[in-house]
Amino acid sequence: MTIALVIPVLNARDTIQRCLESVMNQERQADEIILVDNGSTDKTIALIESFRAQNKHCSIILLHEKKR
């Protein structure tokens, strides 16, 4: 069974790192993590990109949704 986790984010600078670390520490990790940004204006995207760079063994996809 394949597990894909979808996480919507919007200006999640203060919580996204902890969220992603928690997801990675699960007993059964998701095969794919899909983050859907809804126009963040803080450092959310930079934090996600940094996390992706440090966790290349996991499929982490970042999508951008322009319509709120």
C-alpha atoms as a PDB file:
ATOM      1  CA  MET A   1       0.000   0.000   0.000  1.00  0.00           C
ATOM      2  CA  THR A   2       1.254   3.463  -0.907  1.00  0.00           C
ATOM      3  CA  ILE A   3       0.660   6.324   1.491  1.00  0.00           C
ATOM      4  CA  ALA A   4       0.529   9.920   0.261  1.00  0.00           C
ATOM      5  CA  LEU A   5       0.140  12.699   2.801  1.00  0.00           C
ATOM      6  CA  VAL A   6      -1.276  16.060   1.690  1.00  0.00           C
ATOM      7  CA  ILE A   7      -0.526  19.062   3.911  1.00  0.00           C
ATOM      8  CA  PRO A   8      -2.092  22.443   3.105  1.00  0.00           C
ATOM      9  CA  VAL A   9       0.044  25.393   4.260  1.00  0.00           C
ATOM     10  CA  LEU A  10      -0.413  29.131   4.507  1.00  0.00           C
ATOM     11  CA  ASN A  11       2.093  31.264   6.391  1.00  0.00           C
ATOM     12  CA  ALA A  12       3.161  28.266   8.477  1.00  0.00           C
ATOM     13  CA  ARG A  13       6.642  29.546   9.319  1.00  0.00           C
ATOM     14  CA  ASP A  14       6.196  28.785  13.018  1.00  0.00           C
ATOM     15  CA  THR A  15       4.813  25.258  12.620  1.00  0.00           C
ATOM     16  CA  ILE A  16       5.916  23.672   9.325  1.00  0.00           C
ATOM     17  CA  GLN A  17       9.326  22.438  10.518  1.00  0.00           C
ATOM     18  CA  ARG A  18       7.817  20.678  13.533  1.00  0.00           C
ATOM     19  CA  CYS A  19       5.029  19.261  11.365  1.00  0.00           C
ATOM     20  CA  LEU A  20       7.433  17.781   8.815  1.00  0.00           C
ATOM     21  CA  GLU A  21       9.731  16.379  11.506  1.00  0.00           C
ATOM     22  CA  SER A  22       6.731  14.716  13.134  1.00  0.00           C
ATOM     23  CA  VAL A  23       5.680  13.189   9.821  1.00  0.00           C
ATOM     24  CA  MET A  24       9.195  11.836   9.275  1.00  0.00           C
ATOM     25  CA  ASN A  25       9.253  10.284  12.768  1.00  0.00           C
ATOM     26  CA  GLN A  26       6.118   8.193  12.243  1.00  0.00           C
ATOM     27  CA  GLU A  27       6.509   4.445  12.536  1.00  0.00           C
ATOM     28  CA  ARG A  28       5.098   4.053   9.000  1.00  0.00           C
ATOM     29  CA  GLN A  29       6.377   6.959   6.947  1.00  0.00           C
ATOM     30  CA  ALA A  30       4.418   8.322   4.025  1.00  0.00           C
ATOM     31  CA  ASP A  31       5.768   7.317   0.624  1.00  0.00           C
ATOM     32  CA  GLU A  32       5.049  10.798  -0.640  1.00  0.00           C
ATOM     33  CA  ILE A  33       4.467  14.118   1.120  1.00  0.00           C
ATOM     34  CA  ILE A  34       2.591  16.735  -0.888  1.00  0.00           C
ATOM     35  CA  LEU A  35       2.580  20.282   0.476  1.00  0.00           C
ATOM     36  CA  VAL A  36       0.089  22.687  -1.075  1.00  0.00           C
ATOM     37  CA  ASP A  37       0.991  26.313  -0.425  1.00  0.00           C
ATOM     38  CA  ASN A  38      -1.813  28.824  -0.698  1.00  0.00           C
ATOM     39  CA  GLY A  39       0.201  32.005  -1.211  1.00  0.00           C
ATOM     40  CA  SER A  40       2.411  32.180   1.857  1.00  0.00           C
ATOM     41  CA  THR A  41       4.129  35.519   2.371  1.00  0.00           C
ATOM     42  CA  ASP A  42       6.435  34.497   5.209  1.00  0.00           C
ATOM     43  CA  LYS A  43       9.402  32.071   5.174  1.00  0.00           C
ATOM     44  CA  THR A  44       7.258  28.950   4.818  1.00  0.00           C
ATOM     45  CA  ILE A  45       8.514  28.124   1.308  1.00  0.00           C
ATOM     46  CA  ALA A  46      12.177  28.591   2.262  1.00  0.00           C
ATOM     47  CA  LEU A  47      11.738  26.276   5.250  1.00  0.00           C
ATOM     48  CA  ILE A  48      10.069  23.620   3.103  1.00  0.00           C
ATOM     49  CA  GLU A  49      12.819  23.867   0.472  1.00  0.00           C
ATOM     50  CA  SER A  50      15.473  23.515   3.177  1.00  0.00           C
ATOM     51  CA  PHE A  51      13.701  20.476   4.617  1.00  0.00           C
ATOM     52  CA  ARG A  52      13.470  18.918   1.143  1.00  0.00           C
ATOM     53  CA  ALA A  53      17.198  19.430   0.603  1.00  0.00           C
ATOM     54  CA  GLN A  54      17.976  17.678   3.892  1.00  0.00           C
ATOM     55  CA  ASN A  55      15.616  14.760   3.201  1.00  0.00           C
ATOM     56  CA  LYS A  56      16.300  13.760  -0.381  1.00  0.00           C
ATOM     57  CA  HIS A  57      15.491  10.131   0.431  1.00  0.00           C
ATOM     58  CA  CYS A  58      11.808  11.063   0.761  1.00  0.00           C
ATOM     59  CA  SER A  59       9.501  12.265  -2.001  1.00  0.00           C
ATOM     60  CA  ILE A  60       8.448  15.768  -0.922  1.00  0.00           C
ATOM     61  CA  ILE A  61       6.431  17.702  -3.484  1.00  0.00           C
ATOM     62  CA  LEU A  62       5.609  21.393  -3.147  1.00  0.00           C
ATOM     63  CA  LEU A  63       2.649  22.737  -5.100  1.00  0.00           C
ATOM     64  CA  HIS A  64       1.465  26.336  -5.288  1.00  0.00           C
ATOM     65  CA  GLU A  65      -2.209  27.243  -5.352  1.00  0.00           C
ATOM     66  CA  LYS A  66      -2.832  30.857  -6.285  1.00  0.00           C
ATOM     67  CA  LYS A  67      -6.539  30.987  -5.551  1.00  0.00           C
ATOM     68  CA  ARG A  68      -7.296  31.263  -1.840  1.00  0.00           C
END
